PDB file of N, CA and C in Angstrom:
ATOM      1  N   UNK A   1     110.477  89.360  89.375  1.00  0.00           N
ATOM      2  CA  UNK A   1     110.381  90.637  90.237  1.00  0.00           C
ATOM      3  C   UNK A   1     111.032  90.215  91.283  1.00  0.00           C
ATOM      4  N   UNK A   2     110.328  89.337  92.345  1.00  0.00           N
ATOM      5  CA  UNK A   2     110.417  89.413  93.358  1.00  0.00           C
ATOM      6  C   UNK A   2     112.382  89.657  94.023  1.00  0.00           C
ATOM      7  N   UNK A   3     113.036  88.779  92.609  1.00  0.00           N
ATOM      8  CA  UNK A   3     114.379  89.040  93.166  1.00  0.00           C
ATOM      9  C   UNK A   3     115.265  90.254  92.763  1.00  0.00           C
ATOM     10  N   UNK A   4     114.819  90.904  92.131  1.00  0.00           N
ATOM     11  CA  UNK A   4     115.427  92.384  91.273  1.00  0.00           C
ATOM     12  C   UNK A   4     114.448  93.132  92.850  1.00  0.00           C
ATOM     13  N   UNK A   5     113.681  92.994  93.033  1.00  0.00           N
ATOM     14  CA  UNK A   5     112.848  93.764  94.232  1.00  0.00           C
ATOM     15  C   UNK A   5     113.502  93.877  95.893  1.00  0.00           C
ATOM     16  N   UNK A   6     114.553  92.569  95.827  1.00  0.00           N
ATOM     17  CA  UNK A   6     114.527  91.525  96.930  1.00  0.00           C
ATOM     18  C   UNK A   6     116.173  92.650  96.806  1.00  0.00           C
ATOM     19  N   UNK A   7     117.098  92.300  95.760  1.00  0.00           N
ATOM     20  CA  UNK A   7     118.342  93.012  94.741  1.00  0.00           C
ATOM     21  C   UNK A   7     118.106  94.525  95.991  1.00  0.00           C
ATOM     22  N   UNK A   8     117.272  95.162  95.074  1.00  0.00           N
ATOM     23  CA  UNK A   8     117.467  96.734  95.023  1.00  0.00           C
ATOM     24  C   UNK A   8     117.110  97.108  96.345  1.00  0.00           C
ATOM     25  N   UNK A   9     116.300  96.577  97.507  1.00  0.00           N
ATOM     26  CA  UNK A   9     115.719  96.614  98.862  1.00  0.00           C
ATOM     27  C   UNK A   9     117.364  96.599  99.637  1.00  0.00           C
ATOM     28  N   UNK A  10     118.305  95.488  99.232  1.00  0.00           N
ATOM     29  CA  UNK A  10     119.429  95.264  99.886  1.00  0.00           C
ATOM     30  C   UNK A  10     120.533  96.207  99.413  1.00  0.00           C
ATOM     31  N   UNK A  11     120.331  97.200  98.590  1.00  0.00           N
ATOM     32  CA  UNK A  11     121.169  97.528  97.885  1.00  0.00           C
ATOM     33  C   UNK A  11     120.647  99.221  98.741  1.00  0.00           C
ATOM     34  N   UNK A  12     119.687  99.372  98.726  1.00  0.00           N
ATOM     35  CA  UNK A  12     119.467 100.705  99.689  1.00  0.00           C
ATOM     36  C   UNK A  12     119.614 100.323 101.068  1.00  0.00           C
ATOM     37  N   UNK A  13     119.556  99.695 101.830  1.00  0.00           N
ATOM     38  CA  UNK A  13     119.602  99.012 103.026  1.00  0.00           C
ATOM     39  C   UNK A  13     121.078  98.885 103.180  1.00  0.00           C
ATOM     40  N   UNK A  14     122.393  99.344 102.550  1.00  0.00           N
ATOM     41  CA  UNK A  14     123.405  98.817 102.917  1.00  0.00           C
ATOM     42  C   UNK A  14     123.712 100.625 103.510  1.00  0.00           C
ATOM     43  N   UNK A  15     122.868 100.990 102.238  1.00  0.00           N
ATOM     44  CA  UNK A  15     122.913 102.977 102.893  1.00  0.00           C
ATOM     45  C   UNK A  15     122.462 103.221 104.127  1.00  0.00           C
ATOM     46  N   UNK A  16     121.578 102.538 104.828  1.00  0.00           N
ATOM     47  CA  UNK A  16     121.023 102.845 105.519  1.00  0.00           C
ATOM     48  C   UNK A  16     121.390 102.958 107.401  1.00  0.00           C
ATOM     49  N   UNK A  17     121.364 103.687 107.698  1.00  0.00           N
ATOM     50  CA  UNK A  17     121.437 104.271 109.002  1.00  0.00           C
ATOM     51  C   UNK A  17     120.200 104.194 110.342  1.00  0.00           C
ATOM     52  N   UNK A  18     120.331 103.608 110.734  1.00  0.00           N
ATOM     53  CA  UNK A  18     118.876 103.485 111.676  1.00  0.00           C
ATOM     54  C   UNK A  18     118.956 104.452 112.648  1.00  0.00           C
ATOM     55  N   UNK A  19     117.890 105.102 112.842  1.00  0.00           N
ATOM     56  CA  UNK A  19     118.214 106.397 114.047  1.00  0.00           C
ATOM     57  C   UNK A  19     118.472 105.908 115.332  1.00  0.00           C
ATOM     58  N   UNK A  20     119.340 105.954 116.683  1.00  0.00           N
ATOM     59  CA  UNK A  20     118.601 105.833 117.881  1.00  0.00           C
ATOM     60  C   UNK A  20     117.093 105.587 118.440  1.00  0.00           C
ATOM     61  N   UNK A  21     116.382 106.369 117.433  1.00  0.00           N
ATOM     62  CA  UNK A  21     115.279 106.514 117.921  1.00  0.00           C
ATOM     63  C   UNK A  21     113.692 105.234 117.603  1.00  0.00           C
ATOM     64  N   UNK A  22     113.831 104.826 116.535  1.00  0.00           N
ATOM     65  CA  UNK A  22     113.670 103.235 116.161  1.00  0.00           C
ATOM     66  C   UNK A  22     113.516 102.617 116.960  1.00  0.00           C
ATOM     67  N   UNK A  23     112.451 102.022 116.589  1.00  0.00           N
ATOM     68  CA  UNK A  23     111.917 100.536 117.371  1.00  0.00           C
ATOM     69  C   UNK A  23     111.590  99.541 116.624  1.00  0.00           C
ATOM     70  N   UNK A  24     111.785  97.879 116.671  1.00  0.00           N
ATOM     71  CA  UNK A  24     111.117  97.044 116.020  1.00  0.00           C
ATOM     72  C   UNK A  24     109.673  97.434 116.162  1.00  0.00           C
ATOM     73  N   UNK A  25     109.137  96.881 115.126  1.00  0.00           N
ATOM     74  CA  UNK A  25     107.575  97.353 114.507  1.00  0.00           C
ATOM     75  C   UNK A  25     107.166  98.249 114.175  1.00  0.00           C
ATOM     76  N   UNK A  26     108.418  99.532 114.277  1.00  0.00           N
ATOM     77  CA  UNK A  26     108.540 100.576 112.677  1.00  0.00           C
ATOM     78  C   UNK A  26     108.337 100.345 111.404  1.00  0.00           C
ATOM     79  N   UNK A  27     107.797 100.892 110.758  1.00  0.00           N
ATOM     80  CA  UNK A  27     107.203 101.007 109.365  1.00  0.00           C
ATOM     81  C   UNK A  27     107.440 101.910 108.200  1.00  0.00           C
ATOM     82  N   UNK A  28     108.275 102.325 106.992  1.00  0.00           N
ATOM     83  CA  UNK A  28     108.076 102.963 106.549  1.00  0.00           C
ATOM     84  C   UNK A  28     107.998 102.246 104.911  1.00  0.00           C
ATOM     85  N   UNK A  29     107.129 102.776 103.886  1.00  0.00           N
ATOM     86  CA  UNK A  29     106.933 102.774 102.956  1.00  0.00           C
ATOM     87  C   UNK A  29     107.521 103.426 102.230  1.00  0.00           C
ATOM     88  N   UNK A  30     108.088 103.504 100.976  1.00  0.00           N
ATOM     89  CA  UNK A  30     108.709 104.593 100.186  1.00  0.00           C
ATOM     90  C   UNK A  30     108.440 103.976  98.550  1.00  0.00           C
ATOM     91  N   UNK A  31     107.877 104.928  97.921  1.00  0.00           N
ATOM     92  CA  UNK A  31     107.775 105.117  96.286  1.00  0.00           C
ATOM     93  C   UNK A  31     108.895 105.357  95.759  1.00  0.00           C
ATOM     94  N   UNK A  32     109.120 104.752  94.817  1.00  0.00           N
ATOM     95  CA  UNK A  32     109.930 105.282  94.048  1.00  0.00           C
ATOM     96  C   UNK A  32     109.831 104.989  92.526  1.00  0.00           C
ATOM     97  N   UNK A  33     110.232 106.540  91.695  1.00  0.00           N
ATOM     98  CA  UNK A  33     110.221 106.665  90.422  1.00  0.00           C
ATOM     99  C   UNK A  33     111.167 106.499  89.542  1.00  0.00           C
ATOM    100  N   UNK A  34     111.378 105.681  88.821  1.00  0.00           N
ATOM    101  CA  UNK A  34     112.268 105.186  88.179  1.00  0.00           C
ATOM    102  C   UNK A  34     112.180 105.297  87.291  1.00  0.00           C
ATOM    103  N   UNK A  35     114.092 105.659  86.391  1.00  0.00           N
ATOM    104  CA  UNK A  35     113.537 105.574  84.520  1.00  0.00           C
ATOM    105  C   UNK A  35     114.462 104.049  84.380  1.00  0.00           C
ATOM    106  N   UNK A  36     114.036 103.811  83.098  1.00  0.00           N
ATOM    107  CA  UNK A  36     114.780 102.273  82.395  1.00  0.00           C
ATOM    108  C   UNK A  36     116.319 102.126  82.713  1.00  0.00           C
ATOM    109  N   UNK A  37     116.952 103.234  82.567  1.00  0.00           N
ATOM    110  CA  UNK A  37     118.721 103.503  82.954  1.00  0.00           C
ATOM    111  C   UNK A  37     118.830 103.021  84.610  1.00  0.00           C
ATOM    112  N   UNK A  38     117.824 102.807  85.282  1.00  0.00           N
ATOM    113  CA  UNK A  38     118.055 103.116  86.683  1.00  0.00           C
ATOM    114  C   UNK A  38     117.908 104.193  87.280  1.00  0.00           C
ATOM    115  N   UNK A  39     117.900 105.238  86.548  1.00  0.00           N
ATOM    116  CA  UNK A  39     117.699 106.968  87.316  1.00  0.00           C
ATOM    117  C   UNK A  39     116.717 106.699  88.747  1.00  0.00           C
ATOM    118  N   UNK A  40     117.229 106.924  90.033  1.00  0.00           N
ATOM    119  CA  UNK A  40     115.688 107.404  90.736  1.00  0.00           C
ATOM    120  C   UNK A  40     115.951 108.556  90.902  1.00  0.00           C
ATOM    121  N   UNK A  41     114.128 108.865  90.035  1.00  0.00           N
ATOM    122  CA  UNK A  41     113.749 109.867  90.054  1.00  0.00           C
ATOM    123  C   UNK A  41     113.403 110.615  91.184  1.00  0.00           C
ATOM    124  N   UNK A  42     112.176 110.537  91.597  1.00  0.00           N
ATOM    125  CA  UNK A  42     111.432 111.191  92.750  1.00  0.00           C
ATOM    126  C   UNK A  42     111.003 110.037  93.178  1.00  0.00           C
ATOM    127  N   UNK A  43     111.488 110.322  95.105  1.00  0.00           N
ATOM    128  CA  UNK A  43     110.365 109.421  95.712  1.00  0.00           C
ATOM    129  C   UNK A  43     110.398 109.614  96.560  1.00  0.00           C
ATOM    130  N   UNK A  44     109.337 109.305  97.837  1.00  0.00           N
ATOM    131  CA  UNK A  44     108.641 109.655  98.941  1.00  0.00           C
ATOM    132  C   UNK A  44     107.941 108.405  99.881  1.00  0.00           C
ATOM    133  N   UNK A  45     108.174 108.917 100.978  1.00  0.00           N
ATOM    134  CA  UNK A  45     107.372 107.630 101.482  1.00  0.00           C
ATOM    135  C   UNK A  45     105.844 107.864 101.959  1.00  0.00           C
ATOM    136  N   UNK A  46     105.453 106.988 101.278  1.00  0.00           N
ATOM    137  CA  UNK A  46     103.704 106.593 101.664  1.00  0.00           C
ATOM    138  C   UNK A  46     102.958 106.183 102.436  1.00  0.00           C
ATOM    139  N   UNK A  47     103.926 105.499 103.506  1.00  0.00           N
ATOM    140  CA  UNK A  47     103.280 105.516 104.845  1.00  0.00           C
ATOM    141  C   UNK A  47     104.152 105.111 106.056  1.00  0.00           C
ATOM    142  N   UNK A  48     104.521 106.293 106.924  1.00  0.00           N
ATOM    143  CA  UNK A  48     105.517 105.487 107.706  1.00  0.00           C
ATOM    144  C   UNK A  48     104.827 105.792 109.233  1.00  0.00           C
ATOM    145  N   UNK A  49     105.571 105.347 110.106  1.00  0.00           N
ATOM    146  CA  UNK A  49     105.772 104.822 111.796  1.00  0.00           C
ATOM    147  C   UNK A  49     104.925 106.200 112.681  1.00  0.00           C
ATOM    148  N   UNK A  50     105.052 107.539 112.037  1.00  0.00           N
ATOM    149  CA  UNK A  50     105.375 108.869 112.813  1.00  0.00           C
ATOM    150  C   UNK A  50     106.444 108.726 113.343  1.00  0.00           C
ATOM    151  N   UNK A  51     107.221 108.364 112.963  1.00  0.00           N
ATOM    152  CA  UNK A  51     108.651 108.997 113.170  1.00  0.00           C
ATOM    153  C   UNK A  51     109.592 109.198 112.445  1.00  0.00           C
ATOM    154  N   UNK A  52     109.244 110.509 112.063  1.00  0.00           N
ATOM    155  CA  UNK A  52     110.105 111.808 111.231  1.00  0.00           C
ATOM    156  C   UNK A  52     111.912 110.907 111.151  1.00  0.00           C
ATOM    157  N   UNK A  53     112.461 111.035 112.095  1.00  0.00           N
ATOM    158  CA  UNK A  53     113.488 110.772 111.819  1.00  0.00           C
ATOM    159  C   UNK A  53     114.239 109.232 111.439  1.00  0.00           C
ATOM    160  N   UNK A  54     112.856 108.423 111.669  1.00  0.00           N
ATOM    161  CA  UNK A  54     113.253 107.001 111.214  1.00  0.00           C
ATOM    162  C   UNK A  54     112.669 106.972 109.297  1.00  0.00           C
ATOM    163  N   UNK A  55     111.896 107.714 109.473  1.00  0.00           N
ATOM    164  CA  UNK A  55     111.289 108.075 107.764  1.00  0.00           C
ATOM    165  C   UNK A  55     112.497 108.777 107.081  1.00  0.00           C
ATOM    166  N   UNK A  56     112.772 110.016 107.356  1.00  0.00           N
ATOM    167  CA  UNK A  56     113.890 110.584 106.874  1.00  0.00           C
ATOM    168  C   UNK A  56     115.300 109.776 106.719  1.00  0.00           C
ATOM    169  N   UNK A  57     115.430 108.470 107.669  1.00  0.00           N
ATOM    170  CA  UNK A  57     117.227 108.198 107.387  1.00  0.00           C
ATOM    171  C   UNK A  57     116.633 106.644 106.335  1.00  0.00           C
ATOM    172  N   UNK A  58     115.586 106.475 106.375  1.00  0.00           N
ATOM    173  CA  UNK A  58     115.138 105.159 104.964  1.00  0.00           C
ATOM    174  C   UNK A  58     115.388 106.912 103.384  1.00  0.00           C
ATOM    175  N   UNK A  59     114.613 107.662 103.945  1.00  0.00           N
ATOM    176  CA  UNK A  59     114.990 108.628 102.092  1.00  0.00           C
ATOM    177  C   UNK A  59     116.258 108.820 101.866  1.00  0.00           C
ATOM    178  N   UNK A  60     117.313 109.220 103.267  1.00  0.00           N
ATOM    179  CA  UNK A  60     118.525 109.042 103.297  1.00  0.00           C
ATOM    180  C   UNK A  60     119.305 108.533 102.986  1.00  0.00           C
ATOM    181  N   UNK A  61     118.693 106.892 102.758  1.00  0.00           N
ATOM    182  CA  UNK A  61     119.525 105.832 102.122  1.00  0.00           C
ATOM    183  C   UNK A  61     119.221 105.900 100.456  1.00  0.00           C
ATOM    184  N   UNK A  62     117.748 105.895 100.322  1.00  0.00           N
ATOM    185  CA  UNK A  62     117.310 106.020  98.982  1.00  0.00           C
ATOM    186  C   UNK A  62     118.422 106.852  98.068  1.00  0.00           C
ATOM    187  N   UNK A  63     118.514 108.123  98.900  1.00  0.00           N
ATOM    188  CA  UNK A  63     119.061 109.237  98.252  1.00  0.00           C
ATOM    189  C   UNK A  63     120.162 108.909  97.767  1.00  0.00           C
ATOM    190  N   UNK A  64     120.861 108.302  98.804  1.00  0.00           N
ATOM    191  CA  UNK A  64     122.685 108.189  98.995  1.00  0.00           C
ATOM    192  C   UNK A  64     123.040 106.983  97.297  1.00  0.00           C
ATOM    193  N   UNK A  65     122.160 105.490  96.954  1.00  0.00           N
ATOM    194  CA  UNK A  65     122.273 105.111  96.309  1.00  0.00           C
ATOM    195  C   UNK A  65     122.277 105.744  95.241  1.00  0.00           C
ATOM    196  N   UNK A  66     121.150 106.600  94.462  1.00  0.00           N
ATOM    197  CA  UNK A  66     121.383 106.917  93.131  1.00  0.00           C
ATOM    198  C   UNK A  66     121.072 106.583  91.886  1.00  0.00           C
ATOM    199  N   UNK A  67     121.523 105.549  91.647  1.00  0.00           N
ATOM    200  CA  UNK A  67     121.408 104.491  90.719  1.00  0.00           C
ATOM    201  C   UNK A  67     121.446 103.326  90.570  1.00  0.00           C
ATOM    202  N   UNK A  68     120.080 102.837  90.552  1.00  0.00           N
ATOM    203  CA  UNK A  68     119.590 100.923  90.508  1.00  0.00           C
ATOM    204  C   UNK A  68     119.988 100.888  88.527  1.00  0.00           C
ATOM    205  N   UNK A  69     121.086 100.565  88.674  1.00  0.00           N
ATOM    206  CA  UNK A  69     121.559  99.763  87.466  1.00  0.00           C
ATOM    207  C   UNK A  69     121.480  98.064  87.449  1.00  0.00           C
ATOM    208  N   UNK A  70     120.716  97.480  88.479  1.00  0.00           N
ATOM    209  CA  UNK A  70     120.208  97.117  88.093  1.00  0.00           C
ATOM    210  C   UNK A  70     118.974  96.723  86.969  1.00  0.00           C
ATOM    211  N   UNK A  71     117.735  97.735  87.076  1.00  0.00           N
ATOM    212  CA  UNK A  71     117.178  97.617  86.188  1.00  0.00           C
ATOM    213  C   UNK A  71     117.476  97.881  85.014  1.00  0.00           C
ATOM    214  N   UNK A  72     118.950  98.550  85.038  1.00  0.00           N
ATOM    215  CA  UNK A  72     119.080  98.703  82.937  1.00  0.00           C
ATOM    216  C   UNK A  72     118.496  97.353  82.170  1.00  0.00           C
ATOM    217  N   UNK A  73     119.214  95.640  82.850  1.00  0.00           N
ATOM    218  CA  UNK A  73     119.457  94.514  82.241  1.00  0.00           C
ATOM    219  C   UNK A  73     117.821  94.172  82.145  1.00  0.00           C
ATOM    220  N   UNK A  74     116.631  95.088  82.593  1.00  0.00           N
ATOM    221  CA  UNK A  74     115.324  93.972  82.161  1.00  0.00           C
ATOM    222  C   UNK A  74     114.978  94.585  81.213  1.00  0.00           C
ATOM    223  N   UNK A  75     113.981  93.365  80.722  1.00  0.00           N
ATOM    224  CA  UNK A  75     112.658  93.452  79.333  1.00  0.00           C
ATOM    225  C   UNK A  75     111.832  94.743  79.716  1.00  0.00           C
ATOM    226  N   UNK A  76     111.650  95.440  79.276  1.00  0.00           N
ATOM    227  CA  UNK A  76     110.255  96.534  79.090  1.00  0.00           C
ATOM    228  C   UNK A  76     109.374  95.525  79.669  1.00  0.00           C
ATOM    229  N   UNK A  77     109.210  95.179  79.044  1.00  0.00           N
ATOM    230  CA  UNK A  77     107.609  94.236  79.656  1.00  0.00           C
ATOM    231  C   UNK A  77     107.654  93.866  80.956  1.00  0.00           C
ATOM    232  N   UNK A  78     108.778  93.502  81.714  1.00  0.00           N
ATOM    233  CA  UNK A  78     108.951  93.210  83.300  1.00  0.00           C
ATOM    234  C   UNK A  78     109.072  94.551  83.698  1.00  0.00           C
ATOM    235  N   UNK A  79     109.953  95.842  83.141  1.00  0.00           N
ATOM    236  CA  UNK A  79     110.684  96.802  83.813  1.00  0.00           C
ATOM    237  C   UNK A  79     109.434  98.293  84.206  1.00  0.00           C
ATOM    238  N   UNK A  80     108.148  98.024  83.067  1.00  0.00           N
ATOM    239  CA  UNK A  80     107.780  99.317  82.861  1.00  0.00           C
ATOM    240  C   UNK A  80     106.412  98.807  84.265  1.00  0.00           C
ATOM    241  N   UNK A  81     105.320  97.440  83.877  1.00  0.00           N
ATOM    242  CA  UNK A  81     104.401  97.659  84.982  1.00  0.00           C
ATOM    243  C   UNK A  81     105.366  96.995  86.479  1.00  0.00           C
ATOM    244  N   UNK A  82     105.964  97.003  86.815  1.00  0.00           N
ATOM    245  CA  UNK A  82     106.751  96.221  87.968  1.00  0.00           C
ATOM    246  C   UNK A  82     107.839  97.457  89.019  1.00  0.00           C
ATOM    247  N   UNK A  83     108.842  98.283  87.719  1.00  0.00           N
ATOM    248  CA  UNK A  83     109.772  99.235  88.349  1.00  0.00           C
ATOM    249  C   UNK A  83     110.035 100.349  88.000  1.00  0.00           C
ATOM    250  N   UNK A  84     109.206 100.866  87.212  1.00  0.00           N
ATOM    251  CA  UNK A  84     108.678 102.095  86.706  1.00  0.00           C
ATOM    252  C   UNK A  84     108.539 102.673  88.104  1.00  0.00           C
ATOM    253  N   UNK A  85     106.949 102.605  88.398  1.00  0.00           N
ATOM    254  CA  UNK A  85     106.975 103.441  89.651  1.00  0.00           C
ATOM    255  C   UNK A  85     106.640 101.815  90.174  1.00  0.00           C
ATOM    256  N   UNK A  86     107.299 101.200  91.662  1.00  0.00           N
ATOM    257  CA  UNK A  86     107.533 100.375  92.490  1.00  0.00           C
ATOM    258  C   UNK A  86     107.631 100.760  94.547  1.00  0.00           C
ATOM    259  N   UNK A  87     107.225  99.828  95.238  1.00  0.00           N
ATOM    260  CA  UNK A  87     107.486 100.580  96.779  1.00  0.00           C
ATOM    261  C   UNK A  87     108.041  99.245  97.390  1.00  0.00           C
ATOM    262  N   UNK A  88     108.838  99.854  98.460  1.00  0.00           N
ATOM    263  CA  UNK A  88     109.607  98.839  98.994  1.00  0.00           C
ATOM    264  C   UNK A  88     109.137  99.412 100.334  1.00  0.00           C
ATOM    265  N   UNK A  89     109.481  98.568 101.560  1.00  0.00           N
ATOM    266  CA  UNK A  89     108.757  98.370 102.990  1.00  0.00           C
ATOM    267  C   UNK A  89     110.687  98.354 103.524  1.00  0.00           C
ATOM    268  N   UNK A  90     110.460  99.519 104.764  1.00  0.00           N
ATOM    269  CA  UNK A  90     112.040  98.490 105.676  1.00  0.00           C
ATOM    270  C   UNK A  90     111.487  99.487 107.097  1.00  0.00           C
ATOM    271  N   UNK A  91     111.738  98.274 107.752  1.00  0.00           N
ATOM    272  CA  UNK A  91     111.579  98.117 108.766  1.00  0.00           C
ATOM    273  C   UNK A  91     113.154  98.046 109.288  1.00  0.00           C
ATOM    274  N   UNK A  92     112.935  97.972 111.162  1.00  0.00           N
ATOM    275  CA  UNK A  92     114.274  98.403 111.594  1.00  0.00           C
ATOM    276  C   UNK A  92     115.149  96.762 111.773  1.00  0.00           C
ATOM    277  N   UNK A  93     114.167  96.434 111.737  1.00  0.00           N
ATOM    278  CA  UNK A  93     114.568  94.843 112.042  1.00  0.00           C
ATOM    279  C   UNK A  93     115.366  93.785 110.856  1.00  0.00           C
ATOM    280  N   UNK A  94     115.062  94.916 109.478  1.00  0.00           N
ATOM    281  CA  UNK A  94     115.662  94.360 108.509  1.00  0.00           C
ATOM    282  C   UNK A  94     116.790  94.140 108.500  1.00  0.00           C
ATOM    283  N   UNK A  95     117.960  94.871 108.967  1.00  0.00           N
ATOM    284  CA  UNK A  95     119.544  95.200 109.068  1.00  0.00           C
ATOM    285  C   UNK A  95     119.681  94.025 110.300  1.00  0.00           C
ATOM    286  N   UNK A  96     118.979  93.455 110.974  1.00  0.00           N
ATOM    287  CA  UNK A  96     119.193  92.503 111.632  1.00  0.00           C
ATOM    288  C   UNK A  96     119.251  91.007 111.650  1.00  0.00           C
ATOM    289  N   UNK A  97     119.138  91.246 110.539  1.00  0.00           N
ATOM    290  CA  UNK A  97     118.994  89.742 109.485  1.00  0.00           C
ATOM    291  C   UNK A  97     120.225  89.438 108.975  1.00  0.00           C
TER     292      UNK A  97
END
């Protein structure tokens, strides 16, 4: 589960353009709802740092990804409790690693 979560985080981060107003220490936690074939249905920021440009940039990165094909190969008993609805955390320093 951790490995797939990291892969998904990295895929979304590839599309992420951090706005100039973002600062280290900011956090955006995004909740994603997916389908077993990897489609991202709904997503929303459930916790942000009060900087709308920052969390809008995260939402745009999720929207740009569109599909998480990696979920297609997961067994139902792994997918359903862990990836039907799950959360990812984004911080500006994530892209500096």
